[in-house]
């Protein structure tokens, strides 16, 4: 909350929406792939199932990791631009290197070529496959458990399961989330390896450095999960009423 107050005072209320455009670009590509592919890939992993039989938790985790890796491998440029656009918000307007998300894409490509748009791909795949598995598999599991104990397949159940999935994703994914952000915001020419960066963070800041921003992260993931899963359930109800 203190950070939000400072950003609002220094940059105005719109500073809280810095990076919104590339953030939306990222979600259209990444969320569309990771969520849309989850059930088909989960069904491929599970194979034919008997009526009333459910996928195991490990099968759900495997499907979530697979779709997370596929989605972010394609959407990495949008994530890179989002992080850089948000990062430059700390600078005075005249010192900011990018005027828009399109300008960031162009300058990144001009400087480093196609590979420049996939900077941080490895930790990004690690981060997003882990968080995606935590989100989708835990929501899937929480919902299955809720229905098994007699809770109705309705809005309240969806909200509770979504908050639970957001918390699990935050606990599991915060360390790789911190790593991904730091790697993408490194100064050009900084050749420090991922292992070197991990060692440096532990030595200088301690293990809890990997959970910096946990509260803000949970506020984001918790609210995001509620909106995402409740919307998804409503859409499924209209278009695929018999889908499990």
Protein backbone atom coordinates (compact mmCIF):
# COMPACT_ATOMS: atom_id res chain seq x y z
CA UNK A 1 0.00 0.00 0.00
CA UNK A 2 2.92 2.34 0.73
CA UNK A 3 4.34 1.61 -2.71
CA UNK A 4 0.99 2.33 -4.34
CA UNK A 5 0.77 5.64 -2.45
CA UNK A 6 4.30 6.64 -3.53
CA UNK A 7 3.68 5.76 -7.18
CA UNK A 8 0.42 7.73 -7.18
CA UNK A 9 2.13 10.76 -5.61
CA UNK A 10 5.11 10.73 -7.98
CA UNK A 11 3.50 9.59 -11.23
CA UNK A 12 -0.22 10.19 -10.76
CA UNK A 13 -2.97 7.52 -10.58
CA UNK A 14 -2.15 6.28 -14.08
CA UNK A 15 1.29 5.26 -12.84
CA UNK A 16 -0.42 2.26 -11.26
CA UNK A 17 -1.35 1.12 -14.76
CA UNK A 18 2.15 1.39 -16.18
CA UNK A 19 2.74 -1.45 -18.64
CA UNK A 20 -0.99 -2.06 -19.15
CA UNK A 21 -0.80 -2.22 -22.95
CA UNK A 22 1.92 -4.92 -23.14
CA UNK A 23 0.27 -6.59 -20.14
CA UNK A 24 -2.93 -6.99 -22.16
CA UNK A 25 -0.91 -8.18 -25.16
CA UNK A 26 0.71 -10.79 -22.91
CA UNK A 27 -2.58 -12.02 -21.51
CA UNK A 28 -4.27 -12.37 -24.90
CA UNK A 29 -1.48 -14.64 -26.11
CA UNK A 30 -0.26 -16.36 -22.94
CA UNK A 31 -3.53 -16.79 -21.04
CA UNK A 32 -5.35 -17.86 -24.19
CA UNK A 33 -2.85 -20.64 -24.81
CA UNK A 34 -2.25 -21.84 -21.25
CA UNK A 35 -5.93 -21.92 -20.29
CA UNK A 36 -7.32 -23.03 -23.64
CA UNK A 37 -4.87 -25.92 -23.97
CA UNK A 38 -5.10 -27.14 -20.36
CA UNK A 39 -8.10 -29.48 -20.64
CA UNK A 40 -7.11 -30.98 -24.05
CA UNK A 41 -3.54 -31.65 -22.86
CA UNK A 42 -4.77 -32.97 -19.51
CA UNK A 43 -7.05 -35.37 -21.37
CA UNK A 44 -4.17 -36.52 -23.58
CA UNK A 45 -2.04 -37.18 -20.48
CA UNK A 46 -4.87 -39.02 -18.70
CA UNK A 47 -6.05 -41.07 -21.66
CA UNK A 48 -9.51 -42.67 -21.70
CA UNK A 49 -11.20 -42.50 -18.30
CA UNK A 50 -14.15 -44.34 -16.83
CA UNK A 51 -17.34 -42.39 -15.99
CA UNK A 52 -16.88 -40.62 -12.66
CA UNK A 53 -13.10 -41.06 -12.70
CA UNK A 54 -10.99 -37.92 -12.23
CA UNK A 55 -7.44 -37.07 -13.29
CA UNK A 56 -4.85 -37.36 -10.54
CA UNK A 57 -3.18 -34.28 -9.05
CA UNK A 58 0.12 -35.21 -10.74
CA UNK A 59 -1.62 -35.40 -14.12
CA UNK A 60 -3.13 -31.97 -13.55
CA UNK A 61 0.27 -30.54 -12.57
CA UNK A 62 1.88 -32.06 -15.67
CA UNK A 63 -0.79 -30.53 -17.90
CA UNK A 64 -0.41 -27.14 -16.23
CA UNK A 65 3.37 -27.15 -16.61
CA UNK A 66 3.11 -28.16 -20.27
CA UNK A 67 0.61 -25.45 -21.22
CA UNK A 68 2.48 -22.83 -19.19
CA UNK A 69 5.72 -23.65 -21.02
CA UNK A 70 4.03 -23.60 -24.43
CA UNK A 71 2.20 -20.35 -23.76
CA UNK A 72 5.14 -18.33 -22.47
CA UNK A 73 7.52 -19.67 -25.14
CA UNK A 74 5.30 -17.92 -27.67
CA UNK A 75 4.41 -14.90 -25.49
CA UNK A 76 7.91 -14.15 -24.10
CA UNK A 77 8.35 -10.92 -26.14
CA UNK A 78 5.15 -9.48 -24.67
CA UNK A 79 6.31 -10.35 -21.14
CA UNK A 80 9.73 -8.79 -21.74
CA UNK A 81 8.19 -5.56 -22.98
CA UNK A 82 5.73 -5.48 -20.07
CA UNK A 83 8.53 -5.78 -17.52
CA UNK A 84 10.66 -3.12 -19.23
CA UNK A 85 7.78 -0.68 -19.61
CA UNK A 86 6.93 -1.07 -15.93
CA UNK A 87 10.59 -0.78 -14.94
CA UNK A 88 11.10 2.54 -16.70
CA UNK A 89 8.27 4.07 -14.68
CA UNK A 90 10.82 4.88 -11.98
CA UNK A 91 12.65 7.24 -14.36
CA UNK A 92 11.74 10.84 -15.22
CA UNK A 93 9.66 11.01 -18.40
CA UNK A 94 12.48 12.58 -20.42
CA UNK A 95 14.88 9.77 -19.46
CA UNK A 96 12.60 6.86 -20.30
CA UNK A 97 14.02 4.84 -23.22
CA UNK A 98 10.65 3.74 -24.61
CA UNK A 99 7.66 5.84 -25.61
CA UNK A 100 5.27 2.90 -26.07
CA UNK A 101 5.16 -0.88 -26.16
CA UNK A 102 5.60 -0.84 -29.95
CA UNK A 103 8.65 1.41 -29.55
CA UNK A 104 10.06 -1.07 -27.01
CA UNK A 105 9.58 -3.98 -29.42
CA UNK A 106 11.28 -2.02 -32.22
CA UNK A 107 14.26 -0.86 -30.15
CA UNK A 108 14.80 -4.29 -28.61
CA UNK A 109 14.74 -5.92 -32.05
CA UNK A 110 17.00 -3.26 -33.57
CA UNK A 111 19.58 -3.66 -30.80
CA UNK A 112 19.63 -7.41 -30.23
CA UNK A 113 17.69 -8.97 -33.09
CA UNK A 114 15.05 -11.66 -32.66
CA UNK A 115 16.92 -13.28 -29.77
CA UNK A 116 16.64 -10.01 -27.84
CA UNK A 117 12.86 -10.52 -27.61
CA UNK A 118 13.43 -13.85 -25.90
CA UNK A 119 15.78 -12.58 -23.17
CA UNK A 120 14.95 -14.34 -19.93
CA UNK A 121 13.19 -17.18 -21.74
CA UNK A 122 14.58 -19.96 -19.51
CA UNK A 123 13.56 -18.44 -16.14
CA UNK A 124 10.33 -17.26 -17.73
CA UNK A 125 9.44 -20.82 -18.78
CA UNK A 126 10.38 -22.05 -15.32
CA UNK A 127 8.33 -19.33 -13.64
CA UNK A 128 5.24 -19.58 -15.79
CA UNK A 129 5.11 -23.35 -16.04
CA UNK A 130 5.35 -23.58 -12.24
CA UNK A 131 2.78 -20.85 -11.58
CA UNK A 132 0.46 -22.12 -14.29
CA UNK A 133 0.59 -25.63 -12.84
CA UNK A 134 0.00 -24.24 -9.34
CA UNK A 135 -2.96 -22.12 -10.51
CA UNK A 136 -4.75 -24.52 -12.82
CA UNK A 137 -3.97 -27.79 -11.04
CA UNK A 138 -4.81 -26.42 -7.58
CA UNK A 139 -8.05 -24.82 -8.81
CA UNK A 140 -8.97 -28.05 -10.56
CA UNK A 141 -8.16 -30.02 -7.41
CA UNK A 142 -9.90 -27.60 -5.01
CA UNK A 143 -13.01 -27.65 -7.16
CA UNK A 144 -13.02 -31.45 -7.33
CA UNK A 145 -12.66 -31.66 -3.53
CA UNK A 146 -15.41 -29.06 -3.00
CA UNK A 147 -17.87 -30.91 -5.21
CA UNK A 148 -16.99 -34.20 -3.52
CA UNK A 149 -17.99 -32.81 -0.10
CA UNK A 150 -21.28 -31.53 -1.47
CA UNK A 151 -20.64 -27.85 -2.22
CA UNK A 152 -22.64 -26.57 -5.19
CA UNK A 153 -20.89 -25.92 -8.49
CA UNK A 154 -21.65 -22.21 -8.26
CA UNK A 155 -20.20 -18.74 -7.85
CA UNK A 156 -19.21 -19.00 -4.16
CA UNK A 157 -17.36 -22.29 -4.72
CA UNK A 158 -15.58 -20.85 -7.76
CA UNK A 159 -14.44 -17.76 -5.81
CA UNK A 160 -13.16 -19.79 -2.85
CA UNK A 161 -11.29 -22.20 -5.11
CA UNK A 162 -9.84 -19.30 -7.12
CA UNK A 163 -8.49 -17.57 -4.00
CA UNK A 164 -6.98 -20.85 -2.85
CA UNK A 165 -5.35 -21.35 -6.24
CA UNK A 166 -3.97 -17.79 -6.13
CA UNK A 167 -2.37 -18.39 -2.74
CA UNK A 168 -0.80 -21.69 -3.84
CA UNK A 169 0.53 -20.06 -7.02
CA UNK A 170 1.99 -17.17 -5.05
CA UNK A 171 3.76 -19.41 -2.52
CA UNK A 172 5.15 -21.71 -5.19
CA UNK A 173 5.94 -19.11 -7.83
CA UNK A 174 7.29 -16.08 -5.93
CA UNK A 175 10.97 -17.18 -6.00
CA UNK A 176 11.02 -17.73 -9.78
CA UNK A 177 8.91 -14.59 -10.26
CA UNK A 178 11.55 -12.49 -8.48
CA UNK A 179 14.32 -14.14 -10.50
CA UNK A 180 12.56 -13.56 -13.80
CA UNK A 181 11.98 -9.87 -13.10
CA UNK A 182 15.58 -9.26 -12.05
CA UNK A 183 16.98 -11.04 -15.09
CA UNK A 184 14.77 -9.07 -17.50
CA UNK A 185 15.72 -5.78 -15.81
CA UNK A 186 19.48 -6.43 -15.82
CA UNK A 187 21.63 -3.76 -17.39
CA UNK A 188 22.76 -4.52 -20.97
CA UNK A 189 26.11 -6.31 -20.97
CA UNK A 190 25.64 -7.80 -17.51
CA UNK A 191 26.79 -11.34 -18.12
CA UNK A 192 26.02 -12.65 -14.66
CA UNK A 193 24.65 -16.20 -14.85
CA UNK A 194 21.40 -17.30 -13.25
CA UNK A 195 23.29 -19.30 -10.61
CA UNK A 196 25.50 -16.27 -9.95
CA UNK A 197 22.46 -14.06 -9.52
CA UNK A 198 20.89 -16.55 -7.07
CA UNK A 199 24.11 -16.75 -5.05
CA UNK A 200 24.43 -12.96 -5.00
CA UNK A 201 20.84 -12.51 -3.77
CA UNK A 202 21.31 -15.07 -0.99
CA UNK A 203 24.62 -13.57 0.13
CA UNK A 204 23.50 -9.93 0.04
CA UNK A 205 19.79 -10.12 0.91
CA UNK A 206 19.19 -13.53 2.46
CA UNK A 207 16.76 -16.29 1.38
CA UNK A 208 13.69 -14.13 2.02
CA UNK A 209 14.75 -11.96 -0.94
CA UNK A 210 12.96 -14.51 -3.12
CA UNK A 211 9.68 -13.57 -1.44
CA UNK A 212 10.00 -9.81 -1.77
CA UNK A 213 6.70 -8.31 -2.82
CA UNK A 214 4.76 -11.37 -1.64
CA UNK A 215 1.78 -9.34 -0.40
CA UNK A 216 1.51 -7.36 -3.62
CA UNK A 217 1.97 -10.56 -5.61
CA UNK A 218 -0.87 -12.26 -3.74
CA UNK A 219 -3.11 -9.21 -4.19
CA UNK A 220 -2.44 -9.51 -7.92
CA UNK A 221 -2.72 -13.29 -8.24
CA UNK A 222 -5.66 -13.61 -5.85
CA UNK A 223 -7.77 -11.00 -7.61
CA UNK A 224 -6.62 -12.17 -11.03
CA UNK A 225 -7.58 -15.78 -10.25
CA UNK A 226 -11.05 -14.81 -9.09
CA UNK A 227 -11.72 -12.80 -12.24
CA UNK A 228 -10.16 -15.43 -14.50
CA UNK A 229 -11.77 -18.56 -13.08
CA UNK A 230 -15.20 -17.03 -12.46
CA UNK A 231 -15.20 -15.69 -16.04
CA UNK A 232 -13.99 -19.04 -17.35
CA UNK A 233 -16.71 -20.94 -15.50
CA UNK A 234 -19.40 -18.60 -16.85
CA UNK A 235 -18.10 -18.98 -20.41
CA UNK A 236 -17.92 -22.76 -20.04
CA UNK A 237 -21.48 -22.77 -18.72
CA UNK A 238 -22.72 -20.99 -21.85
CA UNK A 239 -20.69 -22.82 -24.49
CA UNK A 240 -19.76 -26.21 -23.02
CA UNK A 241 -22.37 -26.99 -20.35
CA UNK A 242 -21.37 -30.65 -20.11
CA UNK A 243 -17.62 -29.98 -19.74
CA UNK A 244 -16.00 -31.12 -16.51
